[in-house]
C-alpha cells in the first residue's frame, strides 16, 4: 500500500513539474509595437536573399515534331481534346498518381493496362530528345512519353508532356498550373 502511494505521489510530482516547466501554448508572432530599425531589416532581407539558391531549371525536349503542332493560346481557358489513352510502365513505379494527375489535367484520358501512349520514367536526363539536360519528351505526338524523376512537380511535367499529344510549346519560361498555356511553357522550374 505504501509503495502504491509513493508511485502515485511520484507520478503527480512529475506531472506537476512538466506542467510548470513546459509552455502550454506557443506564439510564432512577434508581439512588439517597437519598430525595427530599417538597417537591421534591410540587412536581414539581404542575407536571406543571398542565401536563397534558385530553384533548378530543366528544359523540356523537342523531338523535332513539336513545331508542327499548334500552340495553346493564352486566352483559351479550357481546350478540349479528343478521347485518348495511355499506360504507365513499370519504370514509373510509385509515381503513378502524379502521372494520372497530369493526364487528367487534359481530360478525356483513359488509363489502360497496355494500349495507348506508353509512359516511362528515368532517374536522370531524357536522352535523344533534341538537346542535353532534358527532363521530358513526347515522341510522335503521343507515340511514347519519357519523364525524368529529377523535377519537383512531377505531375506538372506529366501534364506538359501529355499536352504535346496536341500542342507545341506556348512560349519560353517556367511552366506552371496557372493556365493550359502556362503548362506548355518550355522549362520546368520546380
N, C-alpha and C. Protein backbone atom coordinates (compact mmCIF):
# COMPACT_ATOMS: atom_id res chain seq x y z
N UNK A 1 0.82 -1.18 0.00
CA UNK A 1 0.00 0.00 0.00
C UNK A 1 0.87 1.26 0.00
N UNK A 2 1.89 1.26 0.85
CA UNK A 2 2.79 2.41 0.94
C UNK A 2 3.51 2.63 -0.39
N UNK A 3 3.89 1.54 -1.08
CA UNK A 3 4.57 1.68 -2.37
C UNK A 3 3.63 2.24 -3.43
N UNK A 4 2.35 1.91 -3.39
CA UNK A 4 1.37 2.46 -4.34
C UNK A 4 1.21 3.96 -4.13
N UNK A 5 1.18 4.39 -2.86
CA UNK A 5 1.05 5.82 -2.56
C UNK A 5 2.28 6.56 -3.05
N UNK A 6 3.46 5.97 -2.85
CA UNK A 6 4.69 6.60 -3.34
C UNK A 6 4.69 6.74 -4.86
N UNK A 7 4.23 5.72 -5.56
CA UNK A 7 4.16 5.76 -7.02
C UNK A 7 3.22 6.87 -7.48
N UNK A 8 2.05 6.96 -6.87
CA UNK A 8 1.08 7.98 -7.24
C UNK A 8 1.64 9.37 -6.95
N UNK A 9 2.26 9.53 -5.78
CA UNK A 9 2.84 10.82 -5.40
C UNK A 9 3.97 11.18 -6.37
N UNK A 10 4.78 10.23 -6.74
CA UNK A 10 5.88 10.47 -7.68
C UNK A 10 5.36 10.85 -9.06
N UNK A 11 4.33 10.17 -9.52
CA UNK A 11 3.75 10.47 -10.83
C UNK A 11 3.12 11.86 -10.82
N UNK A 12 2.47 12.21 -9.71
CA UNK A 12 1.86 13.54 -9.60
C UNK A 12 2.93 14.62 -9.60
N UNK A 13 4.04 14.37 -8.93
CA UNK A 13 5.13 15.34 -8.89
C UNK A 13 5.74 15.54 -10.28
N UNK A 14 5.91 14.46 -11.01
CA UNK A 14 6.45 14.56 -12.36
C UNK A 14 5.48 15.34 -13.26
N UNK A 15 4.19 15.05 -13.17
CA UNK A 15 3.20 15.76 -13.98
C UNK A 15 3.19 17.25 -13.66
N UNK A 16 3.27 17.58 -12.39
CA UNK A 16 3.28 18.99 -11.99
C UNK A 16 4.55 19.68 -12.50
N UNK A 17 5.68 19.01 -12.39
CA UNK A 17 6.93 19.60 -12.86
C UNK A 17 6.88 19.85 -14.36
N UNK A 18 6.33 18.91 -15.14
CA UNK A 18 6.20 19.09 -16.58
C UNK A 18 5.25 20.23 -16.91
N UNK A 19 4.17 20.34 -16.16
CA UNK A 19 3.20 21.39 -16.41
C UNK A 19 3.82 22.77 -16.22
N UNK A 20 4.63 22.93 -15.20
CA UNK A 20 5.24 24.22 -14.94
C UNK A 20 6.48 24.48 -15.81
N UNK A 21 7.16 23.42 -16.22
CA UNK A 21 8.40 23.58 -16.98
C UNK A 21 8.14 23.80 -18.46
N UNK A 22 7.10 23.21 -19.00
CA UNK A 22 6.83 23.30 -20.43
C UNK A 22 5.72 24.31 -20.69
N UNK A 23 5.85 25.11 -21.72
CA UNK A 23 4.77 26.06 -22.04
C UNK A 23 3.56 25.31 -22.57
N UNK A 24 2.41 25.82 -22.28
CA UNK A 24 1.18 25.17 -22.75
C UNK A 24 0.72 25.74 -24.08
N UNK A 25 1.30 26.85 -24.51
CA UNK A 25 0.97 27.39 -25.83
C UNK A 25 2.21 28.08 -26.38
N UNK A 26 2.20 28.26 -27.68
CA UNK A 26 3.32 28.93 -28.33
C UNK A 26 2.77 30.02 -29.24
N UNK A 27 3.54 31.04 -29.41
CA UNK A 27 3.12 32.14 -30.26
C UNK A 27 4.26 32.43 -31.24
N UNK A 28 3.98 32.27 -32.52
CA UNK A 28 5.02 32.49 -33.52
C UNK A 28 5.06 33.93 -34.01
N UNK A 29 4.16 34.74 -33.56
CA UNK A 29 4.11 36.13 -33.99
C UNK A 29 4.89 36.98 -33.01
N UNK A 30 5.61 37.94 -33.55
CA UNK A 30 6.37 38.84 -32.70
C UNK A 30 5.39 39.85 -32.12
N UNK A 31 5.26 39.86 -30.80
CA UNK A 31 4.35 40.78 -30.14
C UNK A 31 5.11 41.99 -29.65
N UNK A 32 5.38 42.88 -30.56
CA UNK A 32 6.13 44.06 -30.19
C UNK A 32 5.63 45.24 -31.00
N UNK A 33 5.40 46.35 -30.33
CA UNK A 33 4.99 47.57 -31.01
C UNK A 33 6.20 48.41 -31.41
N UNK A 34 7.38 47.95 -31.05
CA UNK A 34 8.59 48.70 -31.34
C UNK A 34 9.03 48.36 -32.75
N UNK A 35 9.16 49.34 -33.58
CA UNK A 35 9.59 49.12 -34.96
C UNK A 35 11.08 48.82 -34.98
N UNK A 36 11.46 47.90 -35.84
CA UNK A 36 12.88 47.59 -36.00
C UNK A 36 13.52 48.64 -36.88
N UNK A 37 14.75 48.97 -36.62
CA UNK A 37 15.44 49.92 -37.49
C UNK A 37 15.53 49.38 -38.91
N UNK A 38 15.38 50.27 -39.90
CA UNK A 38 15.41 49.87 -41.30
C UNK A 38 16.71 49.18 -41.67
N UNK A 39 17.81 49.60 -41.10
CA UNK A 39 19.11 49.00 -41.43
C UNK A 39 19.14 47.53 -41.04
N UNK A 40 18.56 47.21 -39.89
CA UNK A 40 18.54 45.81 -39.44
C UNK A 40 17.65 45.00 -40.37
N UNK A 41 16.48 45.53 -40.70
CA UNK A 41 15.55 44.83 -41.57
C UNK A 41 16.16 44.62 -42.95
N UNK A 42 16.77 45.65 -43.52
CA UNK A 42 17.35 45.53 -44.86
C UNK A 42 18.51 44.56 -44.88
N UNK A 43 19.35 44.58 -43.86
CA UNK A 43 20.48 43.65 -43.86
C UNK A 43 19.99 42.22 -43.68
N UNK A 44 18.94 42.03 -42.88
CA UNK A 44 18.39 40.68 -42.71
C UNK A 44 17.79 40.18 -44.02
N UNK A 45 17.06 41.06 -44.72
CA UNK A 45 16.48 40.67 -46.00
C UNK A 45 17.57 40.37 -47.02
N UNK A 46 18.63 41.14 -47.03
CA UNK A 46 19.75 40.90 -47.96
C UNK A 46 20.42 39.57 -47.66
N UNK A 47 20.56 39.24 -46.38
CA UNK A 47 21.18 37.96 -46.02
C UNK A 47 20.33 36.80 -46.49
N UNK A 48 19.01 36.90 -46.33
CA UNK A 48 18.11 35.83 -46.78
C UNK A 48 18.18 35.71 -48.30
N UNK A 49 18.17 36.84 -49.00
CA UNK A 49 18.23 36.81 -50.46
C UNK A 49 19.55 36.22 -50.94
N UNK A 50 20.64 36.51 -50.25
CA UNK A 50 21.94 35.99 -50.66
C UNK A 50 22.03 34.49 -50.44
N UNK A 51 21.36 33.99 -49.40
CA UNK A 51 21.40 32.57 -49.10
C UNK A 51 20.46 31.76 -49.97
N UNK A 52 19.46 32.41 -50.53
CA UNK A 52 18.47 31.69 -51.32
C UNK A 52 19.12 31.16 -52.59
N UNK A 53 19.04 29.86 -52.78
CA UNK A 53 19.55 29.27 -54.01
C UNK A 53 18.39 29.15 -54.99
N UNK A 54 18.58 29.54 -56.22
CA UNK A 54 17.48 29.48 -57.17
C UNK A 54 17.07 28.03 -57.41
N UNK A 55 15.80 27.86 -57.68
CA UNK A 55 15.29 26.52 -57.99
C UNK A 55 15.93 26.04 -59.28
N UNK A 56 16.19 24.74 -59.38
CA UNK A 56 16.77 24.24 -60.62
C UNK A 56 15.80 24.45 -61.78
N UNK A 57 16.34 24.69 -62.94
CA UNK A 57 15.53 24.88 -64.13
C UNK A 57 15.91 23.80 -65.14
N UNK A 58 14.90 23.09 -65.62
CA UNK A 58 15.13 21.99 -66.53
C UNK A 58 14.35 22.22 -67.82
N UNK A 59 15.02 21.98 -68.95
CA UNK A 59 14.36 22.12 -70.24
C UNK A 59 13.52 20.89 -70.54
N UNK A 60 12.41 21.14 -71.23
CA UNK A 60 11.65 20.02 -71.77
C UNK A 60 12.11 19.83 -73.20
N UNK A 61 12.00 18.64 -73.71
CA UNK A 61 12.59 18.33 -75.00
C UNK A 61 11.75 18.71 -76.19
N UNK A 62 12.35 18.58 -77.34
CA UNK A 62 11.70 18.77 -78.62
C UNK A 62 12.20 17.66 -79.53
N UNK A 63 11.36 16.70 -79.77
CA UNK A 63 11.75 15.55 -80.57
C UNK A 63 11.73 15.86 -82.06
N UNK A 64 11.60 17.14 -82.41
CA UNK A 64 11.65 17.50 -83.82
C UNK A 64 10.28 17.66 -84.46
N UNK A 65 9.24 17.25 -83.79
CA UNK A 65 7.92 17.32 -84.39
C UNK A 65 7.02 18.35 -83.71
N UNK A 66 7.51 19.07 -82.71
CA UNK A 66 6.67 20.00 -81.97
C UNK A 66 6.35 21.26 -82.75
N UNK A 67 7.20 21.64 -83.67
CA UNK A 67 6.96 22.87 -84.42
C UNK A 67 5.73 22.74 -85.32
N UNK A 68 5.34 21.52 -85.66
CA UNK A 68 4.17 21.30 -86.49
C UNK A 68 2.87 21.38 -85.69
N UNK A 69 2.95 21.32 -84.37
CA UNK A 69 1.76 21.32 -83.53
C UNK A 69 1.32 22.74 -83.23
N UNK A 70 0.01 22.98 -83.15
CA UNK A 70 -0.46 24.32 -82.78
C UNK A 70 -0.13 24.59 -81.31
N UNK A 71 -0.12 25.86 -80.94
CA UNK A 71 0.11 26.21 -79.54
C UNK A 71 -1.22 26.49 -78.85
N UNK A 72 -1.23 26.32 -77.55
CA UNK A 72 -2.39 26.69 -76.75
C UNK A 72 -2.36 28.20 -76.63
N UNK A 73 -3.42 28.85 -76.97
CA UNK A 73 -3.48 30.30 -76.88
C UNK A 73 -3.68 30.71 -75.42
N UNK A 74 -3.02 31.77 -75.01
CA UNK A 74 -3.08 32.22 -73.62
C UNK A 74 -4.49 32.60 -73.20
N UNK A 75 -5.33 33.05 -74.14
CA UNK A 75 -6.68 33.46 -73.77
C UNK A 75 -7.69 32.31 -73.81
N UNK A 76 -7.28 31.13 -74.27
CA UNK A 76 -8.17 29.97 -74.24
C UNK A 76 -8.16 29.39 -72.84
N UNK A 77 -9.34 29.19 -72.29
CA UNK A 77 -9.41 28.78 -70.90
C UNK A 77 -9.57 27.27 -70.74
N UNK A 78 -10.27 26.62 -71.62
CA UNK A 78 -10.49 25.19 -71.46
C UNK A 78 -10.46 24.51 -72.82
N UNK A 79 -9.29 24.14 -73.24
CA UNK A 79 -9.13 23.45 -74.51
C UNK A 79 -9.64 22.02 -74.34
N UNK A 80 -10.45 21.58 -75.25
CA UNK A 80 -10.96 20.21 -75.23
C UNK A 80 -10.13 19.35 -76.16
N UNK A 81 -9.77 18.18 -75.71
CA UNK A 81 -9.00 17.27 -76.55
C UNK A 81 -9.83 16.02 -76.78
N UNK A 82 -9.59 15.32 -77.88
CA UNK A 82 -10.36 14.10 -78.15
C UNK A 82 -9.99 13.01 -77.15
N UNK A 83 -10.84 11.99 -77.06
CA UNK A 83 -10.58 10.86 -76.16
C UNK A 83 -9.24 10.21 -76.54
N UNK A 84 -8.50 9.81 -75.53
CA UNK A 84 -7.18 9.22 -75.75
C UNK A 84 -6.87 8.29 -74.59
N UNK A 85 -5.82 7.48 -74.76
CA UNK A 85 -5.45 6.52 -73.72
C UNK A 85 -3.94 6.48 -73.53
N UNK A 86 -3.54 5.96 -72.40
CA UNK A 86 -2.12 5.83 -72.06
C UNK A 86 -1.96 4.65 -71.11
N UNK A 87 -0.74 4.18 -70.99
CA UNK A 87 -0.43 3.18 -69.95
C UNK A 87 0.92 3.52 -69.33
N UNK A 88 1.02 3.26 -68.04
CA UNK A 88 2.21 3.57 -67.27
C UNK A 88 3.07 2.32 -67.17
N UNK A 89 4.34 2.43 -67.54
CA UNK A 89 5.23 1.27 -67.50
C UNK A 89 5.77 1.08 -66.08
N UNK A 90 6.36 -0.07 -65.84
CA UNK A 90 6.88 -0.40 -64.51
C UNK A 90 8.02 0.52 -64.07
N UNK A 91 8.67 1.20 -65.00
CA UNK A 91 9.76 2.12 -64.64
C UNK A 91 9.26 3.31 -63.82
N UNK A 92 7.96 3.53 -63.82
CA UNK A 92 7.36 4.66 -63.09
C UNK A 92 6.72 4.22 -61.78
N UNK A 93 7.10 3.06 -61.28
CA UNK A 93 6.52 2.55 -60.04
C UNK A 93 6.64 3.57 -58.91
N UNK A 94 5.53 3.84 -58.26
CA UNK A 94 5.48 4.80 -57.17
C UNK A 94 5.12 6.20 -57.62
N UNK A 95 5.08 6.45 -58.91
CA UNK A 95 4.75 7.78 -59.43
C UNK A 95 3.46 7.78 -60.24
N UNK A 96 2.72 6.72 -60.15
CA UNK A 96 1.50 6.58 -60.94
C UNK A 96 0.49 7.69 -60.65
N UNK A 97 0.35 8.06 -59.39
CA UNK A 97 -0.62 9.10 -59.02
C UNK A 97 -0.33 10.43 -59.67
N UNK A 98 0.94 10.83 -59.69
CA UNK A 98 1.32 12.10 -60.32
C UNK A 98 1.11 12.03 -61.83
N UNK A 99 1.39 10.89 -62.44
CA UNK A 99 1.17 10.73 -63.88
C UNK A 99 -0.32 10.82 -64.19
N UNK A 100 -1.15 10.17 -63.38
CA UNK A 100 -2.60 10.25 -63.58
C UNK A 100 -3.09 11.69 -63.44
N UNK A 101 -2.56 12.41 -62.46
CA UNK A 101 -2.94 13.81 -62.28
C UNK A 101 -2.59 14.62 -63.54
N UNK A 102 -1.40 14.39 -64.09
CA UNK A 102 -1.00 15.09 -65.31
C UNK A 102 -1.89 14.73 -66.49
N UNK A 103 -2.22 13.45 -66.61
CA UNK A 103 -3.09 13.01 -67.71
C UNK A 103 -4.49 13.59 -67.55
N UNK A 104 -5.01 13.57 -66.34
CA UNK A 104 -6.37 14.06 -66.10
C UNK A 104 -6.50 15.56 -66.29
N UNK A 105 -5.39 16.28 -66.27
CA UNK A 105 -5.43 17.72 -66.50
C UNK A 105 -6.07 18.04 -67.85
N UNK A 106 -5.78 17.20 -68.84
CA UNK A 106 -6.30 17.44 -70.19
C UNK A 106 -7.67 16.83 -70.41
N UNK A 107 -8.13 15.99 -69.51
CA UNK A 107 -9.46 15.38 -69.63
C UNK A 107 -9.51 14.29 -70.68
N UNK A 108 -10.59 13.57 -70.69
CA UNK A 108 -10.92 12.51 -71.64
C UNK A 108 -9.84 11.44 -71.78
N UNK A 109 -9.01 11.26 -70.73
CA UNK A 109 -7.95 10.24 -70.77
C UNK A 109 -8.45 8.94 -70.16
N UNK A 110 -7.99 7.84 -70.71
CA UNK A 110 -8.28 6.52 -70.16
C UNK A 110 -6.97 5.81 -69.93
N UNK A 111 -6.74 5.38 -68.69
CA UNK A 111 -5.55 4.59 -68.40
C UNK A 111 -5.86 3.13 -68.72
N UNK A 112 -4.96 2.49 -69.44
CA UNK A 112 -5.15 1.09 -69.82
C UNK A 112 -3.98 0.26 -69.29
N UNK A 113 -4.10 -1.04 -69.45
CA UNK A 113 -3.04 -1.93 -69.00
C UNK A 113 -1.88 -1.98 -69.98
N UNK A 114 -2.16 -1.81 -71.28
CA UNK A 114 -1.06 -1.94 -72.24
C UNK A 114 -1.26 -1.20 -73.56
N UNK A 115 -2.32 -0.46 -73.73
CA UNK A 115 -2.51 0.24 -75.00
C UNK A 115 -2.46 1.75 -74.79
N UNK A 116 -2.40 2.47 -75.89
CA UNK A 116 -2.29 3.92 -75.83
C UNK A 116 -0.84 4.33 -75.68
N UNK A 117 -0.63 5.57 -75.30
CA UNK A 117 0.71 6.12 -75.17
C UNK A 117 1.45 5.48 -74.00
N UNK A 118 2.59 4.82 -74.25
CA UNK A 118 3.37 4.28 -73.13
C UNK A 118 4.13 5.41 -72.43
N UNK A 119 4.07 5.44 -71.11
CA UNK A 119 4.75 6.44 -70.31
C UNK A 119 5.82 5.74 -69.49
N UNK A 120 7.07 6.12 -69.69
CA UNK A 120 8.18 5.54 -68.92
C UNK A 120 8.91 6.63 -68.16
N UNK A 121 9.69 6.23 -67.16
CA UNK A 121 10.39 7.17 -66.29
C UNK A 121 11.87 6.83 -66.23
N UNK A 122 12.69 7.87 -66.09
CA UNK A 122 14.14 7.71 -65.91
C UNK A 122 14.58 8.57 -64.74
N UNK A 123 15.66 8.16 -64.08
CA UNK A 123 16.17 8.89 -62.94
C UNK A 123 17.05 10.07 -63.31
N UNK A 124 17.56 10.10 -64.51
CA UNK A 124 18.42 11.21 -64.96
C UNK A 124 17.74 11.99 -66.06
N UNK A 125 18.56 12.50 -66.97
CA UNK A 125 18.02 13.25 -68.09
C UNK A 125 17.50 12.30 -69.17
N UNK A 126 16.52 12.78 -69.94
CA UNK A 126 15.97 12.02 -71.06
C UNK A 126 16.93 12.17 -72.24
N UNK A 127 17.28 11.06 -72.85
CA UNK A 127 18.22 11.05 -73.96
C UNK A 127 17.48 11.03 -75.29
N UNK A 128 18.06 11.69 -76.30
CA UNK A 128 17.55 11.61 -77.66
C UNK A 128 16.33 12.47 -77.94
N UNK A 129 16.23 13.60 -77.25
CA UNK A 129 15.06 14.44 -77.44
C UNK A 129 15.45 15.86 -77.81
N UNK A 130 16.39 16.00 -78.68
CA UNK A 130 16.71 17.31 -79.22
C UNK A 130 17.50 18.24 -78.32
N UNK A 131 18.24 17.73 -77.38
CA UNK A 131 19.04 18.61 -76.53
C UNK A 131 19.63 17.86 -75.36
N UNK A 132 20.44 18.56 -74.59
CA UNK A 132 21.00 17.95 -73.38
C UNK A 132 20.25 18.50 -72.18
N UNK A 133 20.33 17.79 -71.08
CA UNK A 133 19.66 18.19 -69.84
C UNK A 133 18.16 18.36 -70.02
N UNK A 134 17.54 17.46 -70.75
CA UNK A 134 16.10 17.46 -71.00
C UNK A 134 15.43 16.54 -69.99
N UNK A 135 14.30 16.98 -69.42
CA UNK A 135 13.63 16.18 -68.39
C UNK A 135 12.33 15.53 -68.84
N UNK A 136 11.88 15.83 -70.05
CA UNK A 136 10.67 15.19 -70.54
C UNK A 136 10.61 15.22 -72.04
N UNK A 137 9.99 14.19 -72.62
CA UNK A 137 9.89 14.14 -74.08
C UNK A 137 8.64 13.35 -74.47
N UNK A 138 8.00 13.80 -75.53
CA UNK A 138 6.86 13.12 -76.13
C UNK A 138 7.22 12.92 -77.60
N UNK A 139 7.52 11.68 -77.96
CA UNK A 139 7.87 11.37 -79.33
C UNK A 139 6.61 11.11 -80.14
N UNK A 140 6.55 11.68 -81.34
CA UNK A 140 5.46 11.38 -82.27
C UNK A 140 4.09 11.81 -81.78
N UNK A 141 4.00 12.87 -81.03
CA UNK A 141 2.71 13.38 -80.55
C UNK A 141 1.86 12.27 -79.95
N UNK A 142 2.44 11.57 -79.00
CA UNK A 142 1.70 10.54 -78.28
C UNK A 142 2.11 9.12 -78.57
N UNK A 143 3.17 8.92 -79.35
CA UNK A 143 3.63 7.56 -79.60
C UNK A 143 4.37 7.00 -78.38
N UNK A 144 5.12 7.87 -77.68
CA UNK A 144 5.86 7.45 -76.49
C UNK A 144 6.23 8.68 -75.68
N UNK A 145 6.11 8.58 -74.34
CA UNK A 145 6.48 9.67 -73.44
C UNK A 145 7.50 9.15 -72.44
N UNK A 146 8.52 9.96 -72.17
CA UNK A 146 9.51 9.63 -71.14
C UNK A 146 9.64 10.83 -70.22
N UNK A 147 9.62 10.58 -68.90
CA UNK A 147 9.67 11.62 -67.87
C UNK A 147 10.84 11.39 -66.93
N UNK A 148 11.51 12.46 -66.56
CA UNK A 148 12.60 12.38 -65.59
C UNK A 148 12.06 12.61 -64.19
N UNK A 149 12.52 11.82 -63.26
CA UNK A 149 12.08 11.97 -61.86
C UNK A 149 12.85 13.07 -61.14
N UNK A 150 13.69 13.82 -61.85
CA UNK A 150 14.51 14.86 -61.22
C UNK A 150 13.71 16.13 -60.88
N UNK A 151 12.55 16.32 -61.46
CA UNK A 151 11.81 17.57 -61.26
C UNK A 151 11.02 17.54 -59.96
N UNK A 152 10.74 18.72 -59.44
CA UNK A 152 9.99 18.84 -58.19
C UNK A 152 8.50 18.59 -58.37
N UNK A 153 7.92 19.08 -59.46
CA UNK A 153 6.48 18.90 -59.71
C UNK A 153 6.32 17.90 -60.85
N UNK A 154 6.34 16.64 -60.48
CA UNK A 154 6.30 15.56 -61.46
C UNK A 154 4.96 15.54 -62.20
N UNK A 155 3.86 15.87 -61.53
CA UNK A 155 2.55 15.90 -62.18
C UNK A 155 2.51 16.98 -63.26
N UNK A 156 3.13 18.14 -62.99
CA UNK A 156 3.17 19.21 -63.98
C UNK A 156 3.98 18.77 -65.20
N UNK A 157 5.09 18.09 -64.98
CA UNK A 157 5.87 17.58 -66.10
C UNK A 157 5.04 16.60 -66.92
N UNK A 158 4.31 15.71 -66.25
CA UNK A 158 3.45 14.76 -66.96
C UNK A 158 2.38 15.49 -67.76
N UNK A 159 1.73 16.48 -67.16
CA UNK A 159 0.70 17.25 -67.87
C UNK A 159 1.31 17.93 -69.10
N UNK A 160 2.51 18.49 -68.94
CA UNK A 160 3.19 19.15 -70.05
C UNK A 160 3.43 18.17 -71.20
N UNK A 161 3.99 17.01 -70.87
CA UNK A 161 4.31 16.05 -71.93
C UNK A 161 3.05 15.46 -72.56
N UNK A 162 2.02 15.19 -71.76
CA UNK A 162 0.75 14.73 -72.35
C UNK A 162 0.17 15.81 -73.27
N UNK A 163 0.36 17.07 -72.91
CA UNK A 163 -0.13 18.16 -73.75
C UNK A 163 0.47 18.16 -75.13
N UNK A 164 1.70 17.62 -75.26
CA UNK A 164 2.34 17.54 -76.57
C UNK A 164 1.66 16.52 -77.49
N UNK A 165 0.68 15.79 -77.00
CA UNK A 165 -0.12 14.95 -77.91
C UNK A 165 -0.84 15.83 -78.92
N UNK A 166 -1.13 17.11 -78.53
CA UNK A 166 -1.89 18.01 -79.38
C UNK A 166 -1.24 19.36 -79.61
N UNK A 167 -0.37 19.80 -78.69
CA UNK A 167 0.13 21.17 -78.72
C UNK A 167 1.64 21.24 -78.61
N UNK A 168 2.20 22.28 -79.23
CA UNK A 168 3.61 22.60 -79.10
C UNK A 168 3.83 23.47 -77.87
N UNK A 169 5.06 23.96 -77.71
CA UNK A 169 5.35 24.86 -76.60
C UNK A 169 4.63 26.19 -76.83
N UNK A 170 4.12 26.76 -75.75
CA UNK A 170 3.39 28.02 -75.85
C UNK A 170 4.31 29.23 -75.72
N UNK A 171 5.51 29.04 -75.26
CA UNK A 171 6.46 30.14 -75.10
C UNK A 171 7.55 29.73 -74.14
N UNK A 172 8.57 30.57 -74.06
CA UNK A 172 9.67 30.27 -73.14
C UNK A 172 9.28 30.67 -71.72
N UNK A 173 10.00 30.11 -70.77
CA UNK A 173 9.74 30.44 -69.38
C UNK A 173 9.32 29.22 -68.59
N UNK A 174 9.00 29.47 -67.33
CA UNK A 174 8.67 28.40 -66.38
C UNK A 174 7.24 27.91 -66.54
N UNK A 175 7.08 26.61 -66.61
CA UNK A 175 5.76 26.02 -66.64
C UNK A 175 5.11 26.15 -65.27
N UNK A 176 3.78 26.27 -65.27
CA UNK A 176 3.03 26.32 -64.01
C UNK A 176 1.61 25.84 -64.28
N UNK A 177 0.85 25.70 -63.22
CA UNK A 177 -0.53 25.26 -63.32
C UNK A 177 -1.48 26.41 -63.61
N UNK A 178 -1.01 27.63 -63.81
CA UNK A 178 -1.87 28.81 -63.93
C UNK A 178 -2.85 28.72 -65.10
N UNK A 179 -2.46 28.14 -66.19
CA UNK A 179 -3.33 28.01 -67.36
C UNK A 179 -2.76 26.90 -68.24
N UNK A 180 -3.54 26.51 -69.23
CA UNK A 180 -3.05 25.50 -70.16
C UNK A 180 -1.84 26.02 -70.94
N UNK A 181 -1.84 27.28 -71.29
CA UNK A 181 -0.69 27.87 -71.98
C UNK A 181 0.54 27.83 -71.07
N UNK A 182 0.35 28.07 -69.76
CA UNK A 182 1.48 28.03 -68.83
C UNK A 182 1.99 26.60 -68.64
N UNK A 183 1.13 25.62 -68.68
CA UNK A 183 1.57 24.22 -68.59
C UNK A 183 2.49 23.89 -69.73
N UNK A 184 2.27 24.50 -70.89
CA UNK A 184 3.02 24.18 -72.09
C UNK A 184 4.26 25.06 -72.30
N UNK A 185 4.72 25.74 -71.29
CA UNK A 185 5.97 26.53 -71.40
C UNK A 185 7.18 25.59 -71.46
N UNK A 186 8.32 26.10 -71.84
CA UNK A 186 9.48 25.28 -72.18
C UNK A 186 10.31 24.76 -71.02
N UNK A 187 10.13 25.29 -69.81
CA UNK A 187 11.05 24.97 -68.73
C UNK A 187 10.30 24.54 -67.47
N UNK A 188 10.78 23.47 -66.82
CA UNK A 188 10.28 23.07 -65.52
C UNK A 188 11.17 23.72 -64.47
N UNK A 189 10.59 24.59 -63.67
CA UNK A 189 11.38 25.36 -62.70
C UNK A 189 11.16 24.90 -61.28
N UNK A 190 10.58 23.77 -61.08
CA UNK A 190 10.41 23.24 -59.71
C UNK A 190 10.63 21.75 -59.70
